[in-house]
Amino acid sequence: MPHKKNPILSENLCGLARLLRAYAGAALEDVALWHERDISHSSVERVIGPDATGIADFMVRRAATLIDGLVVNQERMHHNLELTGGLFFSEGVMLALVRKGLARQTAYELVQKHALAASAALGQPAGSSPNFRERVGADPQIAVHLTAADLDEAFDIKHHLRWGGVIIDRALRDLDG
């Protein structure tokens, strides 16, 4: 994949994550034997203890290396999000309708109708078909429940990003220590 920078690092992390997850299954099988303390589980623990911690340590360091060289092009990311016509806000619109009293399945079907139509029109020339935001904004069944301000809130990207800094800080905390 010549168009990607450092794909080996991220692919390696994905593979190791599967291995680490498999160790968790073996460890859970040992839990049932803790009260007996026979030796049937000790062989598993002797292997997965050091292996899993070593793999986890390697993965954290590998991920830090990957992130350290990460180049974020905010303008390009924003452009790519705009290409969807707001489709990734469909859940927010559905949940806003549910909060206003609409049954979840009804809200789902109402929003899905517009999301599928907007998705089908994505490859068409700009302006030839309404995007998702325009579709839900023009639907009288939605307008009965959601004001323009409600839609603005449902389409606010800040909602999706609100915990980003906290998550990154938590993930990287103590990494240098």
N, C-alpha and C. Protein backbone atom coordinates (compact mmCIF):
# COMPACT_ATOMS: atom_id res chain seq x y z
N MET A 1 0.83 -1.18 0.00
CA MET A 1 0.00 0.00 0.00
C MET A 1 0.88 1.25 0.00
N PRO A 2 1.39 1.59 -1.15
CA PRO A 2 2.32 2.73 -1.22
C PRO A 2 1.71 4.07 -0.82
N HIS A 3 0.39 4.18 -0.84
CA HIS A 3 -0.25 5.45 -0.48
C HIS A 3 -0.30 5.66 1.03
N LYS A 4 0.07 4.65 1.80
CA LYS A 4 0.02 4.77 3.25
C LYS A 4 1.42 4.95 3.82
N LYS A 5 1.48 5.69 4.91
CA LYS A 5 2.74 5.88 5.62
C LYS A 5 2.71 4.97 6.85
N ASN A 6 3.72 4.14 6.99
CA ASN A 6 3.86 3.22 8.12
C ASN A 6 2.70 2.24 8.28
N PRO A 7 2.22 1.61 7.20
CA PRO A 7 1.12 0.65 7.39
C PRO A 7 1.57 -0.57 8.18
N ILE A 8 2.86 -0.90 8.13
CA ILE A 8 3.34 -2.09 8.83
C ILE A 8 3.15 -1.93 10.33
N LEU A 9 3.40 -0.73 10.87
CA LEU A 9 3.26 -0.51 12.30
C LEU A 9 1.82 -0.74 12.76
N SER A 10 0.86 -0.17 12.04
CA SER A 10 -0.53 -0.31 12.46
C SER A 10 -1.04 -1.72 12.21
N GLU A 11 -0.63 -2.34 11.12
CA GLU A 11 -1.05 -3.72 10.87
C GLU A 11 -0.49 -4.65 11.93
N ASN A 12 0.74 -4.40 12.36
CA ASN A 12 1.37 -5.18 13.41
C ASN A 12 0.57 -5.06 14.71
N LEU A 13 0.16 -3.85 15.04
CA LEU A 13 -0.65 -3.64 16.25
C LEU A 13 -1.97 -4.40 16.18
N CYS A 14 -2.59 -4.41 15.02
CA CYS A 14 -3.87 -5.13 14.87
C CYS A 14 -3.68 -6.62 15.10
N GLY A 15 -2.61 -7.18 14.55
CA GLY A 15 -2.34 -8.60 14.74
C GLY A 15 -2.03 -8.94 16.18
N LEU A 16 -1.22 -8.11 16.83
CA LEU A 16 -0.89 -8.35 18.23
C LEU A 16 -2.11 -8.21 19.14
N ALA A 17 -3.03 -7.33 18.77
CA ALA A 17 -4.26 -7.18 19.55
C ALA A 17 -5.06 -8.48 19.54
N ARG A 18 -5.09 -9.16 18.41
CA ARG A 18 -5.78 -10.46 18.34
C ARG A 18 -5.10 -11.47 19.25
N LEU A 19 -3.78 -11.47 19.26
CA LEU A 19 -3.05 -12.40 20.12
C LEU A 19 -3.30 -12.10 21.60
N LEU A 20 -3.25 -10.84 21.95
CA LEU A 20 -3.49 -10.45 23.34
C LEU A 20 -4.90 -10.82 23.78
N ARG A 21 -5.86 -10.62 22.89
CA ARG A 21 -7.25 -10.98 23.19
C ARG A 21 -7.38 -12.49 23.41
N ALA A 22 -6.63 -13.28 22.66
CA ALA A 22 -6.67 -14.74 22.83
C ALA A 22 -6.14 -15.14 24.20
N TYR A 23 -5.12 -14.46 24.68
CA TYR A 23 -4.61 -14.73 26.02
C TYR A 23 -5.67 -14.46 27.08
N ALA A 24 -6.49 -13.47 26.85
CA ALA A 24 -7.55 -13.15 27.81
C ALA A 24 -8.52 -14.33 27.94
N GLY A 25 -8.81 -14.99 26.84
CA GLY A 25 -9.70 -16.16 26.88
C GLY A 25 -9.10 -17.28 27.71
N ALA A 26 -7.81 -17.54 27.51
CA ALA A 26 -7.15 -18.58 28.30
C ALA A 26 -7.14 -18.21 29.79
N ALA A 27 -6.91 -16.97 30.10
CA ALA A 27 -6.90 -16.53 31.50
C ALA A 27 -8.28 -16.68 32.13
N LEU A 28 -9.32 -16.37 31.39
CA LEU A 28 -10.68 -16.51 31.93
C LEU A 28 -11.02 -17.96 32.22
N GLU A 29 -10.52 -18.88 31.41
CA GLU A 29 -10.76 -20.30 31.68
C GLU A 29 -10.10 -20.74 32.98
N ASP A 30 -9.02 -20.09 33.35
CA ASP A 30 -8.34 -20.42 34.61
C ASP A 30 -9.09 -19.93 35.84
N VAL A 31 -9.93 -18.94 35.69
CA VAL A 31 -10.63 -18.37 36.83
C VAL A 31 -11.46 -19.44 37.55
N ALA A 32 -12.07 -20.33 36.81
CA ALA A 32 -12.91 -21.36 37.43
C ALA A 32 -12.10 -22.29 38.32
N LEU A 33 -10.80 -22.33 38.16
CA LEU A 33 -9.95 -23.24 38.93
C LEU A 33 -9.22 -22.57 40.09
N TRP A 34 -9.42 -21.30 40.28
CA TRP A 34 -8.67 -20.59 41.31
C TRP A 34 -8.88 -21.19 42.71
N HIS A 35 -10.08 -21.61 43.00
CA HIS A 35 -10.37 -22.13 44.33
C HIS A 35 -9.73 -23.51 44.56
N GLU A 36 -9.38 -24.20 43.49
CA GLU A 36 -8.81 -25.54 43.64
C GLU A 36 -7.29 -25.52 43.76
N ARG A 37 -6.68 -24.56 43.11
CA ARG A 37 -5.23 -24.40 43.08
C ARG A 37 -4.51 -25.69 42.69
N ASP A 38 -5.08 -26.43 41.76
CA ASP A 38 -4.33 -27.55 41.22
C ASP A 38 -3.36 -27.00 40.18
N ILE A 39 -2.60 -27.84 39.57
CA ILE A 39 -1.56 -27.33 38.65
C ILE A 39 -2.01 -27.25 37.20
N SER A 40 -3.28 -27.56 36.93
CA SER A 40 -3.73 -27.55 35.53
C SER A 40 -3.75 -26.15 34.92
N HIS A 41 -3.83 -25.15 35.73
CA HIS A 41 -3.87 -23.79 35.19
C HIS A 41 -2.52 -23.08 35.30
N SER A 42 -1.62 -23.59 36.11
CA SER A 42 -0.36 -22.87 36.32
C SER A 42 0.49 -22.81 35.05
N SER A 43 0.40 -23.83 34.20
CA SER A 43 1.18 -23.79 32.96
C SER A 43 0.69 -22.66 32.06
N VAL A 44 -0.60 -22.45 32.04
CA VAL A 44 -1.17 -21.36 31.24
C VAL A 44 -0.71 -20.02 31.81
N GLU A 45 -0.78 -19.89 33.13
CA GLU A 45 -0.40 -18.63 33.76
C GLU A 45 1.08 -18.32 33.57
N ARG A 46 1.92 -19.36 33.59
CA ARG A 46 3.36 -19.14 33.41
C ARG A 46 3.67 -18.63 32.01
N VAL A 47 2.83 -18.97 31.04
CA VAL A 47 3.06 -18.51 29.66
C VAL A 47 2.41 -17.16 29.42
N ILE A 48 1.12 -17.07 29.76
CA ILE A 48 0.42 -15.83 29.38
C ILE A 48 0.81 -14.64 30.24
N GLY A 49 1.23 -14.86 31.46
CA GLY A 49 1.63 -13.73 32.31
C GLY A 49 2.74 -12.92 31.68
N PRO A 50 3.90 -13.50 31.48
CA PRO A 50 4.98 -12.73 30.87
C PRO A 50 4.73 -12.38 29.41
N ASP A 51 4.13 -13.30 28.66
CA ASP A 51 3.88 -13.01 27.24
C ASP A 51 2.92 -11.84 27.06
N ALA A 52 1.81 -11.88 27.79
CA ALA A 52 0.80 -10.84 27.63
C ALA A 52 1.32 -9.48 28.07
N THR A 53 2.04 -9.43 29.18
CA THR A 53 2.56 -8.13 29.62
C THR A 53 3.65 -7.64 28.67
N GLY A 54 4.46 -8.55 28.16
CA GLY A 54 5.49 -8.15 27.19
C GLY A 54 4.87 -7.63 25.90
N ILE A 55 3.85 -8.32 25.43
CA ILE A 55 3.16 -7.89 24.20
C ILE A 55 2.47 -6.55 24.43
N ALA A 56 1.80 -6.40 25.56
CA ALA A 56 1.10 -5.14 25.85
C ALA A 56 2.10 -3.98 25.92
N ASP A 57 3.23 -4.21 26.57
CA ASP A 57 4.26 -3.17 26.65
C ASP A 57 4.77 -2.81 25.26
N PHE A 58 5.06 -3.83 24.46
CA PHE A 58 5.52 -3.59 23.09
C PHE A 58 4.49 -2.81 22.29
N MET A 59 3.21 -3.18 22.44
CA MET A 59 2.14 -2.52 21.69
C MET A 59 2.02 -1.04 22.08
N VAL A 60 2.13 -0.75 23.36
CA VAL A 60 2.03 0.64 23.81
C VAL A 60 3.18 1.45 23.21
N ARG A 61 4.37 0.89 23.25
CA ARG A 61 5.54 1.61 22.69
C ARG A 61 5.42 1.74 21.18
N ARG A 62 4.94 0.71 20.51
CA ARG A 62 4.75 0.76 19.06
C ARG A 62 3.70 1.81 18.70
N ALA A 63 2.60 1.83 19.45
CA ALA A 63 1.54 2.82 19.20
C ALA A 63 2.05 4.23 19.44
N ALA A 64 2.87 4.41 20.47
CA ALA A 64 3.44 5.74 20.74
C ALA A 64 4.32 6.18 19.59
N THR A 65 5.12 5.26 19.04
CA THR A 65 5.96 5.57 17.88
C THR A 65 5.11 5.95 16.68
N LEU A 66 4.05 5.21 16.48
CA LEU A 66 3.15 5.47 15.36
C LEU A 66 2.50 6.85 15.49
N ILE A 67 2.04 7.15 16.69
CA ILE A 67 1.36 8.42 16.93
C ILE A 67 2.34 9.59 16.90
N ASP A 68 3.56 9.34 17.37
CA ASP A 68 4.56 10.40 17.41
C ASP A 68 4.82 10.97 16.02
N GLY A 69 4.77 10.14 15.01
CA GLY A 69 5.02 10.61 13.64
C GLY A 69 3.75 10.93 12.87
N LEU A 70 2.63 10.90 13.55
CA LEU A 70 1.35 11.12 12.89
C LEU A 70 1.22 12.56 12.41
N VAL A 71 0.81 12.70 11.18
CA VAL A 71 0.55 14.03 10.60
C VAL A 71 -0.96 14.16 10.44
N VAL A 72 -1.52 15.17 11.06
CA VAL A 72 -2.96 15.39 11.01
C VAL A 72 -3.22 16.61 10.14
N ASN A 73 -3.93 16.39 9.06
CA ASN A 73 -4.31 17.47 8.17
C ASN A 73 -5.78 17.79 8.45
N GLN A 74 -6.00 18.75 9.34
CA GLN A 74 -7.36 19.06 9.78
C GLN A 74 -8.25 19.52 8.63
N GLU A 75 -7.71 20.29 7.72
CA GLU A 75 -8.52 20.77 6.60
C GLU A 75 -8.98 19.60 5.74
N ARG A 76 -8.09 18.65 5.49
CA ARG A 76 -8.44 17.50 4.67
C ARG A 76 -9.47 16.62 5.40
N MET A 77 -9.29 16.46 6.70
CA MET A 77 -10.25 15.68 7.48
C MET A 77 -11.63 16.32 7.41
N HIS A 78 -11.67 17.63 7.58
CA HIS A 78 -12.94 18.35 7.51
C HIS A 78 -13.56 18.18 6.12
N HIS A 79 -12.75 18.29 5.10
CA HIS A 79 -13.23 18.11 3.72
C HIS A 79 -13.82 16.71 3.53
N ASN A 80 -13.11 15.70 4.01
CA ASN A 80 -13.59 14.32 3.88
C ASN A 80 -14.91 14.11 4.60
N LEU A 81 -15.06 14.72 5.77
CA LEU A 81 -16.32 14.62 6.50
C LEU A 81 -17.44 15.30 5.73
N GLU A 82 -17.13 16.43 5.12
CA GLU A 82 -18.14 17.16 4.33
C GLU A 82 -18.62 16.34 3.14
N LEU A 83 -17.74 15.49 2.60
CA LEU A 83 -18.12 14.67 1.45
C LEU A 83 -19.28 13.74 1.77
N THR A 84 -19.49 13.42 3.03
CA THR A 84 -20.58 12.53 3.42
C THR A 84 -21.92 13.25 3.47
N GLY A 85 -21.90 14.55 3.36
CA GLY A 85 -23.15 15.29 3.43
C GLY A 85 -23.80 15.22 4.81
N GLY A 86 -23.02 14.94 5.83
CA GLY A 86 -23.55 14.88 7.19
C GLY A 86 -24.10 13.53 7.60
N LEU A 87 -23.85 12.49 6.82
CA LEU A 87 -24.40 11.17 7.15
C LEU A 87 -23.98 10.66 8.52
N PHE A 88 -22.78 11.01 8.96
CA PHE A 88 -22.32 10.51 10.25
C PHE A 88 -23.08 11.15 11.42
N PHE A 89 -23.93 12.12 11.14
CA PHE A 89 -24.76 12.71 12.18
C PHE A 89 -26.12 12.01 12.30
N SER A 90 -26.34 10.96 11.54
CA SER A 90 -27.65 10.30 11.53
C SER A 90 -28.04 9.79 12.92
N GLU A 91 -27.08 9.24 13.66
CA GLU A 91 -27.39 8.76 15.00
C GLU A 91 -27.83 9.91 15.90
N GLY A 92 -27.15 11.04 15.79
CA GLY A 92 -27.51 12.20 16.60
C GLY A 92 -28.92 12.68 16.31
N VAL A 93 -29.30 12.66 15.04
CA VAL A 93 -30.66 13.07 14.67
C VAL A 93 -31.67 12.08 15.24
N MET A 94 -31.36 10.79 15.10
CA MET A 94 -32.26 9.76 15.62
C MET A 94 -32.43 9.91 17.14
N LEU A 95 -31.33 10.09 17.85
CA LEU A 95 -31.40 10.22 19.30
C LEU A 95 -32.12 11.50 19.72
N ALA A 96 -31.97 12.56 18.95
CA ALA A 96 -32.70 13.80 19.25
C ALA A 96 -34.20 13.56 19.12
N LEU A 97 -34.60 12.80 18.11
CA LEU A 97 -36.02 12.47 17.94
C LEU A 97 -36.53 11.61 19.10
N VAL A 98 -35.72 10.67 19.53
CA VAL A 98 -36.09 9.81 20.66
C VAL A 98 -36.25 10.65 21.93
N ARG A 99 -35.31 11.57 22.15
CA ARG A 99 -35.41 12.45 23.34
C ARG A 99 -36.67 13.30 23.30
N LYS A 100 -37.18 13.58 22.10
CA LYS A 100 -38.40 14.38 21.98
C LYS A 100 -39.66 13.53 22.09
N GLY A 101 -39.49 12.21 22.32
CA GLY A 101 -40.65 11.37 22.56
C GLY A 101 -41.01 10.40 21.45
N LEU A 102 -40.30 10.43 20.34
CA LEU A 102 -40.59 9.50 19.24
C LEU A 102 -40.07 8.11 19.62
N ALA A 103 -40.81 7.08 19.27
CA ALA A 103 -40.35 5.71 19.53
C ALA A 103 -39.05 5.48 18.76
N ARG A 104 -38.13 4.76 19.36
CA ARG A 104 -36.80 4.56 18.76
C ARG A 104 -36.91 3.96 17.36
N GLN A 105 -37.72 2.95 17.18
CA GLN A 105 -37.84 2.31 15.86
C GLN A 105 -38.42 3.28 14.83
N THR A 106 -39.37 4.06 15.24
CA THR A 106 -39.96 5.06 14.33
C THR A 106 -38.90 6.09 13.94
N ALA A 107 -38.16 6.58 14.93
CA ALA A 107 -37.10 7.55 14.65
C ALA A 107 -36.05 6.94 13.75
N TYR A 108 -35.68 5.70 14.01
CA TYR A 108 -34.68 5.00 13.19
C TYR A 108 -35.13 4.94 11.73
N GLU A 109 -36.35 4.50 11.52
CA GLU A 109 -36.86 4.36 10.15
C GLU A 109 -36.95 5.71 9.44
N LEU A 110 -37.37 6.72 10.16
CA LEU A 110 -37.49 8.06 9.59
C LEU A 110 -36.13 8.60 9.16
N VAL A 111 -35.15 8.46 10.02
CA VAL A 111 -33.80 8.96 9.72
C VAL A 111 -33.14 8.08 8.67
N GLN A 112 -33.32 6.78 8.76
CA GLN A 112 -32.69 5.87 7.81
C GLN A 112 -33.15 6.16 6.37
N LYS A 113 -34.42 6.48 6.22
CA LYS A 113 -34.95 6.79 4.89
C LYS A 113 -34.14 7.92 4.24
N HIS A 114 -33.87 8.95 5.01
CA HIS A 114 -33.12 10.09 4.49
C HIS A 114 -31.63 9.76 4.33
N ALA A 115 -31.09 8.98 5.25
CA ALA A 115 -29.67 8.61 5.18
C ALA A 115 -29.39 7.76 3.94
N LEU A 116 -30.27 6.81 3.67
CA LEU A 116 -30.06 5.95 2.49
C LEU A 116 -30.20 6.74 1.20
N ALA A 117 -31.18 7.64 1.15
CA ALA A 117 -31.36 8.47 -0.05
C ALA A 117 -30.17 9.39 -0.25
N ALA A 118 -29.69 9.99 0.82
CA ALA A 118 -28.54 10.88 0.73
C ALA A 118 -27.29 10.10 0.35
N SER A 119 -27.15 8.91 0.89
CA SER A 119 -26.00 8.07 0.58
C SER A 119 -25.99 7.68 -0.89
N ALA A 120 -27.14 7.34 -1.42
CA ALA A 120 -27.25 6.95 -2.83
C ALA A 120 -26.90 8.10 -3.76
N ALA A 121 -27.07 9.33 -3.29
CA ALA A 121 -26.82 10.51 -4.12
C ALA A 121 -25.40 11.06 -3.98
N LEU A 122 -24.56 10.42 -3.17
CA LEU A 122 -23.24 10.98 -2.89
C LEU A 122 -22.37 11.16 -4.12
N GLY A 123 -22.45 10.29 -5.09
CA GLY A 123 -21.59 10.41 -6.27
C GLY A 123 -22.10 11.38 -7.32
N GLN A 124 -23.27 11.95 -7.11
CA GLN A 124 -23.86 12.86 -8.09
C GLN A 124 -23.24 14.24 -7.98
N PRO A 125 -23.35 15.02 -9.05
CA PRO A 125 -22.80 16.38 -9.01
C PRO A 125 -23.38 17.20 -7.86
N ALA A 126 -22.55 18.06 -7.29
CA ALA A 126 -22.97 18.89 -6.16
C ALA A 126 -24.20 19.70 -6.51
N GLY A 127 -25.15 19.73 -5.59
CA GLY A 127 -26.36 20.52 -5.77
C GLY A 127 -27.46 19.81 -6.55
N SER A 128 -27.17 18.65 -7.12
CA SER A 128 -28.19 17.96 -7.90
C SER A 128 -29.19 17.22 -7.02
N SER A 129 -28.81 16.97 -5.80
CA SER A 129 -29.68 16.25 -4.88
C SER A 129 -29.39 16.76 -3.46
N PRO A 130 -30.42 16.88 -2.63
CA PRO A 130 -30.17 17.38 -1.27
C PRO A 130 -29.31 16.41 -0.46
N ASN A 131 -28.46 16.96 0.39
CA ASN A 131 -27.65 16.11 1.26
C ASN A 131 -28.49 15.69 2.46
N PHE A 132 -27.89 14.93 3.35
CA PHE A 132 -28.63 14.41 4.50
C PHE A 132 -29.20 15.52 5.36
N ARG A 133 -28.41 16.51 5.64
CA ARG A 133 -28.87 17.63 6.49
C ARG A 133 -30.08 18.32 5.86
N GLU A 134 -29.98 18.57 4.56
CA GLU A 134 -31.09 19.23 3.86
C GLU A 134 -32.33 18.36 3.86
N ARG A 135 -32.15 17.07 3.71
CA ARG A 135 -33.30 16.15 3.68
C ARG A 135 -34.04 16.12 5.02
N VAL A 136 -33.29 15.95 6.12
CA VAL A 136 -33.98 15.88 7.41
C VAL A 136 -34.56 17.24 7.80
N GLY A 137 -33.90 18.31 7.38
CA GLY A 137 -34.42 19.64 7.68
C GLY A 137 -35.70 19.96 6.95
N ALA A 138 -35.92 19.31 5.80
CA ALA A 138 -37.12 19.58 5.01
C ALA A 138 -38.27 18.61 5.30
N ASP A 139 -38.03 17.62 6.11
CA ASP A 139 -39.05 16.61 6.38
C ASP A 139 -40.04 17.11 7.43
N PRO A 140 -41.32 17.24 7.06
CA PRO A 140 -42.31 17.74 8.03
C PRO A 140 -42.50 16.82 9.23
N GLN A 141 -42.29 15.50 9.05
CA GLN A 141 -42.42 14.57 10.17
C GLN A 141 -41.32 14.79 11.21
N ILE A 142 -40.17 15.26 10.76
CA ILE A 142 -39.08 15.57 11.67
C ILE A 142 -39.27 16.95 12.27
N ALA A 143 -39.74 17.90 11.45
CA ALA A 143 -39.92 19.28 11.90
C ALA A 143 -40.94 19.38 13.03
N VAL A 144 -41.88 18.45 13.09
CA VAL A 144 -42.86 18.43 14.18
C VAL A 144 -42.16 18.24 15.52
N HIS A 145 -41.04 17.53 15.51
CA HIS A 145 -40.34 17.17 16.75
C HIS A 145 -39.08 17.98 17.00
N LEU A 146 -38.38 18.36 15.93
CA LEU A 146 -37.09 19.03 16.09
C LEU A 146 -37.10 20.43 15.49
N THR A 147 -36.67 21.40 16.28
CA THR A 147 -36.54 22.77 15.78
C THR A 147 -35.23 22.88 15.00
N ALA A 148 -35.03 24.01 14.37
CA ALA A 148 -33.77 24.26 13.67
C ALA A 148 -32.60 24.21 14.66
N ALA A 149 -32.81 24.71 15.87
CA ALA A 149 -31.76 24.67 16.89
C ALA A 149 -31.45 23.23 17.31
N ASP A 150 -32.49 22.39 17.39
CA ASP A 150 -32.27 20.97 17.70
C ASP A 150 -31.43 20.30 16.63
N LEU A 151 -31.72 20.62 15.37
CA LEU A 151 -30.94 20.05 14.27
C LEU A 151 -29.51 20.58 14.29
N ASP A 152 -29.36 21.86 14.58
CA ASP A 152 -28.00 22.40 14.69
C ASP A 152 -27.20 21.64 15.74
N GLU A 153 -27.84 21.35 16.86
CA GLU A 153 -27.17 20.61 17.93
C GLU A 153 -26.85 19.17 17.49
N ALA A 154 -27.78 18.54 16.79
CA ALA A 154 -27.56 17.16 16.32
C ALA A 154 -26.45 17.08 15.28
N PHE A 155 -26.23 18.17 14.55
CA PHE A 155 -25.20 18.22 13.51
C PHE A 155 -23.93 18.93 13.98
N ASP A 156 -23.75 19.06 15.26
CA ASP A 156 -22.56 19.74 15.79
C ASP A 156 -21.44 18.73 16.00
N ILE A 157 -20.36 18.89 15.28
CA ILE A 157 -19.23 17.96 15.36
C ILE A 157 -18.59 17.98 16.74
N LYS A 158 -18.75 19.07 17.47
CA LYS A 158 -18.16 19.16 18.81
C LYS A 158 -18.69 18.06 19.74
N HIS A 159 -19.91 17.63 19.50
CA HIS A 159 -20.47 16.54 20.31
C HIS A 159 -19.63 15.28 20.16
N HIS A 160 -19.21 14.97 18.95
CA HIS A 160 -18.42 13.76 18.70
C HIS A 160 -16.99 13.90 19.22
N LEU A 161 -16.51 15.11 19.32
CA LEU A 161 -15.12 15.33 19.71
C LEU A 161 -14.95 15.68 21.18
N ARG A 162 -16.04 15.79 21.91
CA ARG A 162 -16.00 16.36 23.26
C ARG A 162 -15.09 15.61 24.22
N TRP A 163 -14.90 14.33 24.05
CA TRP A 163 -14.06 13.56 24.97
C TRP A 163 -12.70 13.21 24.37
N GLY A 164 -12.42 13.68 23.17
CA GLY A 164 -11.17 13.34 22.51
C GLY A 164 -9.93 13.65 23.32
N GLY A 165 -9.85 14.85 23.83
CA GLY A 165 -8.68 15.24 24.62
C GLY A 165 -8.53 14.40 25.88
N VAL A 166 -9.63 14.13 26.55
CA VAL A 166 -9.60 13.32 27.77
C VAL A 166 -9.12 11.90 27.45
N ILE A 167 -9.63 11.34 26.37
CA ILE A 167 -9.25 9.97 25.99
C ILE A 167 -7.77 9.90 25.65
N ILE A 168 -7.29 10.85 24.87
CA ILE A 168 -5.87 10.86 24.50
C ILE A 168 -5.01 11.07 25.73
N ASP A 169 -5.39 12.01 26.58
CA ASP A 169 -4.61 12.25 27.82
C ASP A 169 -4.56 11.00 28.68
N ARG A 170 -5.70 10.33 28.80
CA ARG A 170 -5.74 9.12 29.63
C ARG A 170 -4.88 8.01 29.01
N ALA A 171 -4.93 7.88 27.71
CA ALA A 171 -4.17 6.82 27.04
C ALA A 171 -2.67 7.07 27.13
N LEU A 172 -2.27 8.33 27.08
CA LEU A 172 -0.84 8.64 27.07
C LEU A 172 -0.28 8.96 28.45
N ARG A 173 -1.15 9.06 29.44
CA ARG A 173 -0.69 9.33 30.80
C ARG A 173 0.26 8.22 31.24
N ASP A 174 1.30 8.60 31.88
CA ASP A 174 2.28 7.66 32.43
C ASP A 174 3.04 6.89 31.35
N LEU A 175 2.90 7.24 30.08
CA LEU A 175 3.62 6.54 29.02
C LEU A 175 5.12 6.75 29.14
N ASP A 176 5.48 7.95 29.53
CA ASP A 176 6.91 8.25 29.65
C ASP A 176 7.51 7.67 30.92
N GLY A 177 6.67 7.34 31.88
CA GLY A 177 7.16 6.85 33.18
C GLY A 177 7.43 5.42 33.15
